[in-house]
């Protein structure tokens, strides 16, 4: 007996959901392993420095004062070090895993990845810039903005971006039909 009689699930729906869950978790596990292997190595150093350069350039575009020095962003009284956790790598791993796991065409997956990965990078740069401004103007609130507000926002944005892609781009059942 079903607790949700209004939901009529066929065996293929259950298989699709199971397939999605297995592929999603497998992809994310691979991403997590790669992340933990390389996060403290020099392999990611150019990417970290690139994040610092792009962030400091964007601050200057908006009239601020910031300079990048390797993985450091120097801005007035503040200096921030861009570490692996400060990048878009984790949200991107979640997004990529969900797109790869979702049943859709290869073309749809490429569109999702081609738009989603750069968009998550840009959103993360906006996060770094906002944290620089919060650290300068409201230093007492930096930890709250950094560890709570932006962490929650990145999760919501990442999942929302995937749902938007699955609903509007991917030619497959909507995420709600599998729940």
Foldseek 3Di string as FASTA:
>chain_A
DDPCVVQDDDVVLVVLLVQLVVQLVVLLVVLVVVCVVPQPPCPCQVVLQVLQQVLQVVCVVVVAHWDGDRQWIDGVPDIDGRGPVLALSNLLSNLLSNLVSHDFDPVLSCVLNVPVVVVSRVVSSVLVNVLVVCCVPPVVCSCVSPPPVVVVVSVVVSVVSSQCSQVPRGPDDHPVSSD
